[in-house]
Amino acid sequence: QVQLVESGGGLVQTGGSLRLSCAASGRTFSRDTMGWFRQAPGKEREFVTSIDWSSGIRNYADFVKGRFTISRDNDKNMVYLQMNRLKPEDTAIYYCAASRRLIATEGRTYQDWGRGTQVTVSS
């Protein structure tokens, strides 16, 4: 059974940092592009960042550039999202997802999803 399990969310003050983790299991993900999406209350899900299988291609939404960093460890089937200088508008549920496309910035191109982890940034 394919599973993506996110962890590392929590409550943090403005300007703080969090590191999200995504553990993948059930099949080999080493050739997948892995992405992070988020959904805030009352808003649509939006793309945050993605990383290709070799870590050579990383895409970031403009609103996180310079603050968030995505990385992966294929040996451990793990994907990480380091979030620095957090803002209240970063408050959302963060989802990990896997895509078989080399470049994937749209949710519809991802076939596997985790259940999400809540990130709350207080002002």
C-alpha atoms as a PDB file:
ATOM      1  CA  GLN A   1       0.000   0.000   0.000  1.00  0.00           C
ATOM      2  CA  VAL A   2       1.393   3.342  -1.067  1.00  0.00           C
ATOM      3  CA  GLN A   3       1.717   5.774   1.813  1.00  0.00           C
ATOM      4  CA  LEU A   4       3.011   9.284   2.244  1.00  0.00           C
ATOM      5  CA  VAL A   5       3.091  10.403   5.855  1.00  0.00           C
ATOM      6  CA  GLU A   6       3.884  13.969   6.784  1.00  0.00           C
ATOM      7  CA  SER A   7       5.212  15.076  10.143  1.00  0.00           C
ATOM      8  CA  GLY A   8       6.851  18.065  11.763  1.00  0.00           C
ATOM      9  CA  GLY A   9       3.998  20.520  11.731  1.00  0.00           C
ATOM     10  CA  GLY A  10       3.059  22.596  14.726  1.00  0.00           C
ATOM     11  CA  LEU A  11       2.624  26.054  16.181  1.00  0.00           C
ATOM     12  CA  VAL A  12       5.391  28.582  15.696  1.00  0.00           C
ATOM     13  CA  GLN A  13       5.728  32.337  16.060  1.00  0.00           C
ATOM     14  CA  THR A  14       6.230  34.704  13.177  1.00  0.00           C
ATOM     15  CA  GLY A  15       9.830  34.548  12.033  1.00  0.00           C
ATOM     16  CA  GLY A  16      10.317  31.050  13.358  1.00  0.00           C
ATOM     17  CA  SER A  17      11.235  27.845  11.565  1.00  0.00           C
ATOM     18  CA  LEU A  18       9.848  24.366  11.084  1.00  0.00           C
ATOM     19  CA  ARG A  19      11.075  21.331   9.238  1.00  0.00           C
ATOM     20  CA  LEU A  20       8.469  19.084   7.685  1.00  0.00           C
ATOM     21  CA  SER A  21       9.215  15.513   6.800  1.00  0.00           C
ATOM     22  CA  CYS A  22       7.462  13.138   4.431  1.00  0.00           C
ATOM     23  CA  ALA A  23       8.016   9.406   4.728  1.00  0.00           C
ATOM     24  CA  ALA A  24       7.188   7.437   1.591  1.00  0.00           C
ATOM     25  CA  SER A  25       6.475   3.728   1.549  1.00  0.00           C
ATOM     26  CA  GLY A  26       4.742   1.062  -0.460  1.00  0.00           C
ATOM     27  CA  ARG A  27       6.749   1.392  -3.648  1.00  0.00           C
ATOM     28  CA  THR A  28       9.915   2.987  -4.950  1.00  0.00           C
ATOM     29  CA  PHE A  29       9.719   6.765  -5.030  1.00  0.00           C
ATOM     30  CA  SER A  30      13.302   7.418  -6.006  1.00  0.00           C
ATOM     31  CA  ARG A  31      12.311   8.235  -9.590  1.00  0.00           C
ATOM     32  CA  ASP A  32       9.311  10.392  -8.674  1.00  0.00           C
ATOM     33  CA  THR A  33       9.148  14.114  -8.462  1.00  0.00           C
ATOM     34  CA  MET A  34       8.087  14.959  -4.930  1.00  0.00           C
ATOM     35  CA  GLY A  35       6.136  18.049  -4.053  1.00  0.00           C
ATOM     36  CA  TRP A  36       4.664  19.997  -1.183  1.00  0.00           C
ATOM     37  CA  PHE A  37       1.309  21.693  -1.408  1.00  0.00           C
ATOM     38  CA  ARG A  38      -0.682  23.583   1.184  1.00  0.00           C
ATOM     39  CA  GLN A  39      -4.268  24.508   1.834  1.00  0.00           C
ATOM     40  CA  ALA A  40      -5.362  27.276   4.146  1.00  0.00           C
ATOM     41  CA  PRO A  41      -8.892  27.468   5.571  1.00  0.00           C
ATOM     42  CA  GLY A  42     -11.322  28.699   2.958  1.00  0.00           C
ATOM     43  CA  LYS A  43      -8.707  28.653   0.217  1.00  0.00           C
ATOM     44  CA  GLU A  44      -7.808  26.307  -2.588  1.00  0.00           C
ATOM     45  CA  ARG A  45      -4.852  24.004  -2.389  1.00  0.00           C
ATOM     46  CA  GLU A  46      -1.725  25.614  -3.792  1.00  0.00           C
ATOM     47  CA  PHE A  47       1.664  24.465  -4.956  1.00  0.00           C
ATOM     48  CA  VAL A  48       4.560  25.238  -2.652  1.00  0.00           C
ATOM     49  CA  THR A  49       7.597  23.441  -4.023  1.00  0.00           C
ATOM     50  CA  SER A  50       8.805  20.349  -5.847  1.00  0.00           C
ATOM     51  CA  ILE A  51      12.016  18.420  -6.374  1.00  0.00           C
ATOM     52  CA  ASP A  52      12.855  15.962  -9.128  1.00  0.00           C
ATOM     53  CA  TRP A  53      14.278  12.524  -8.474  1.00  0.00           C
ATOM     54  CA  SER A  54      17.921  13.618  -8.728  1.00  0.00           C
ATOM     55  CA  SER A  55      17.452  16.811  -6.721  1.00  0.00           C
ATOM     56  CA  GLY A  56      18.635  18.703  -9.768  1.00  0.00           C
ATOM     57  CA  ILE A  57      15.389  20.527 -10.471  1.00  0.00           C
ATOM     58  CA  ARG A  58      13.604  22.390  -7.711  1.00  0.00           C
ATOM     59  CA  ASN A  59      10.657  24.644  -8.230  1.00  0.00           C
ATOM     60  CA  TYR A  60       9.293  27.085  -5.682  1.00  0.00           C
ATOM     61  CA  ALA A  61       6.205  29.221  -5.529  1.00  0.00           C
ATOM     62  CA  ASP A  62       7.125  32.895  -5.486  1.00  0.00           C
ATOM     63  CA  PHE A  63       5.720  33.357  -2.005  1.00  0.00           C
ATOM     64  CA  VAL A  64       8.257  30.938  -0.469  1.00  0.00           C
ATOM     65  CA  LYS A  65      11.364  31.654  -2.494  1.00  0.00           C
ATOM     66  CA  GLY A  66      14.271  32.430  -0.238  1.00  0.00           C
ATOM     67  CA  ARG A  67      12.467  31.127   2.833  1.00  0.00           C
ATOM     68  CA  PHE A  68      11.669  27.467   2.141  1.00  0.00           C
ATOM     69  CA  THR A  69      13.994  24.708   0.961  1.00  0.00           C
ATOM     70  CA  ILE A  70      12.985  21.293  -0.303  1.00  0.00           C
ATOM     71  CA  SER A  71      15.309  18.316  -0.150  1.00  0.00           C
ATOM     72  CA  ARG A  72      15.114  14.547  -0.366  1.00  0.00           C
ATOM     73  CA  ASP A  73      16.965  11.428   0.664  1.00  0.00           C
ATOM     74  CA  ASN A  74      16.187   8.647  -1.796  1.00  0.00           C
ATOM     75  CA  ASP A  75      17.987   6.033   0.302  1.00  0.00           C
ATOM     76  CA  LYS A  76      15.569   6.732   3.152  1.00  0.00           C
ATOM     77  CA  ASN A  77      12.505   7.474   0.984  1.00  0.00           C
ATOM     78  CA  MET A  78      12.209  10.826   2.720  1.00  0.00           C
ATOM     79  CA  VAL A  79      11.382  14.337   1.555  1.00  0.00           C
ATOM     80  CA  TYR A  80      11.891  17.415   3.669  1.00  0.00           C
ATOM     81  CA  LEU A  81      10.674  20.969   3.697  1.00  0.00           C
ATOM     82  CA  GLN A  82      12.719  23.439   5.695  1.00  0.00           C
ATOM     83  CA  MET A  83      10.610  26.509   6.382  1.00  0.00           C
ATOM     84  CA  ASN A  84      12.308  29.637   7.695  1.00  0.00           C
ATOM     85  CA  ARG A  85      11.073  33.143   8.410  1.00  0.00           C
ATOM     86  CA  LEU A  86       7.544  31.888   8.696  1.00  0.00           C
ATOM     87  CA  LYS A  87       4.649  34.292   8.340  1.00  0.00           C
ATOM     88  CA  PRO A  88       1.045  34.068   9.546  1.00  0.00           C
ATOM     89  CA  GLU A  89      -0.035  33.644   5.915  1.00  0.00           C
ATOM     90  CA  ASP A  90       1.949  30.390   5.809  1.00  0.00           C
ATOM     91  CA  THR A  91      -0.637  28.872   8.148  1.00  0.00           C
ATOM     92  CA  ALA A  92      -2.129  25.874   6.363  1.00  0.00           C
ATOM     93  CA  ILE A  93      -2.226  22.129   6.145  1.00  0.00           C
ATOM     94  CA  TYR A  94       0.858  21.006   4.250  1.00  0.00           C
ATOM     95  CA  TYR A  95       0.654  17.965   2.000  1.00  0.00           C
ATOM     96  CA  CYS A  96       3.364  15.814   0.517  1.00  0.00           C
ATOM     97  CA  ALA A  97       2.729  14.334  -2.929  1.00  0.00           C
ATOM     98  CA  ALA A  98       4.427  12.204  -5.568  1.00  0.00           C
ATOM     99  CA  SER A  99       4.380  12.623  -9.331  1.00  0.00           C
ATOM    100  CA  ARG A 100       5.817  10.582 -12.160  1.00  0.00           C
ATOM    101  CA  ARG A 101       6.386  13.717 -14.196  1.00  0.00           C
ATOM    102  CA  LEU A 102       9.821  15.308 -14.251  1.00  0.00           C
ATOM    103  CA  ILE A 103       8.408  18.783 -13.734  1.00  0.00           C
ATOM    104  CA  ALA A 104       5.205  18.923 -11.733  1.00  0.00           C
ATOM    105  CA  THR A 105       3.795  22.114 -10.280  1.00  0.00           C
ATOM    106  CA  GLU A 106       0.095  21.364 -10.571  1.00  0.00           C
ATOM    107  CA  GLY A 107      -1.820  19.174  -8.178  1.00  0.00           C
ATOM    108  CA  ARG A 108      -3.487  17.239 -10.973  1.00  0.00           C
ATOM    109  CA  THR A 109      -0.095  15.858 -12.024  1.00  0.00           C
ATOM    110  CA  TYR A 110       0.441  14.138  -8.681  1.00  0.00           C
ATOM    111  CA  GLN A 111      -0.956  10.647  -8.156  1.00  0.00           C
ATOM    112  CA  ASP A 112      -0.093   9.965  -4.498  1.00  0.00           C
ATOM    113  CA  TRP A 113      -0.885  12.213  -1.552  1.00  0.00           C
ATOM    114  CA  GLY A 114      -0.349  12.260   2.166  1.00  0.00           C
ATOM    115  CA  ARG A 115      -2.963  13.312   4.692  1.00  0.00           C
ATOM    116  CA  GLY A 116      -1.167  16.489   5.645  1.00  0.00           C
ATOM    117  CA  THR A 117       0.324  18.155   8.673  1.00  0.00           C
ATOM    118  CA  GLN A 118      -0.916  21.384  10.222  1.00  0.00           C
ATOM    119  CA  VAL A 119       1.350  24.394  10.351  1.00  0.00           C
ATOM    120  CA  THR A 120       0.178  27.381  12.355  1.00  0.00           C
ATOM    121  CA  VAL A 121       2.121  30.611  12.520  1.00  0.00           C
ATOM    122  CA  SER A 122       1.067  33.039  15.214  1.00  0.00           C
ATOM    123  CA  SER A 123       1.481  36.783  14.828  1.00  0.00           C
END
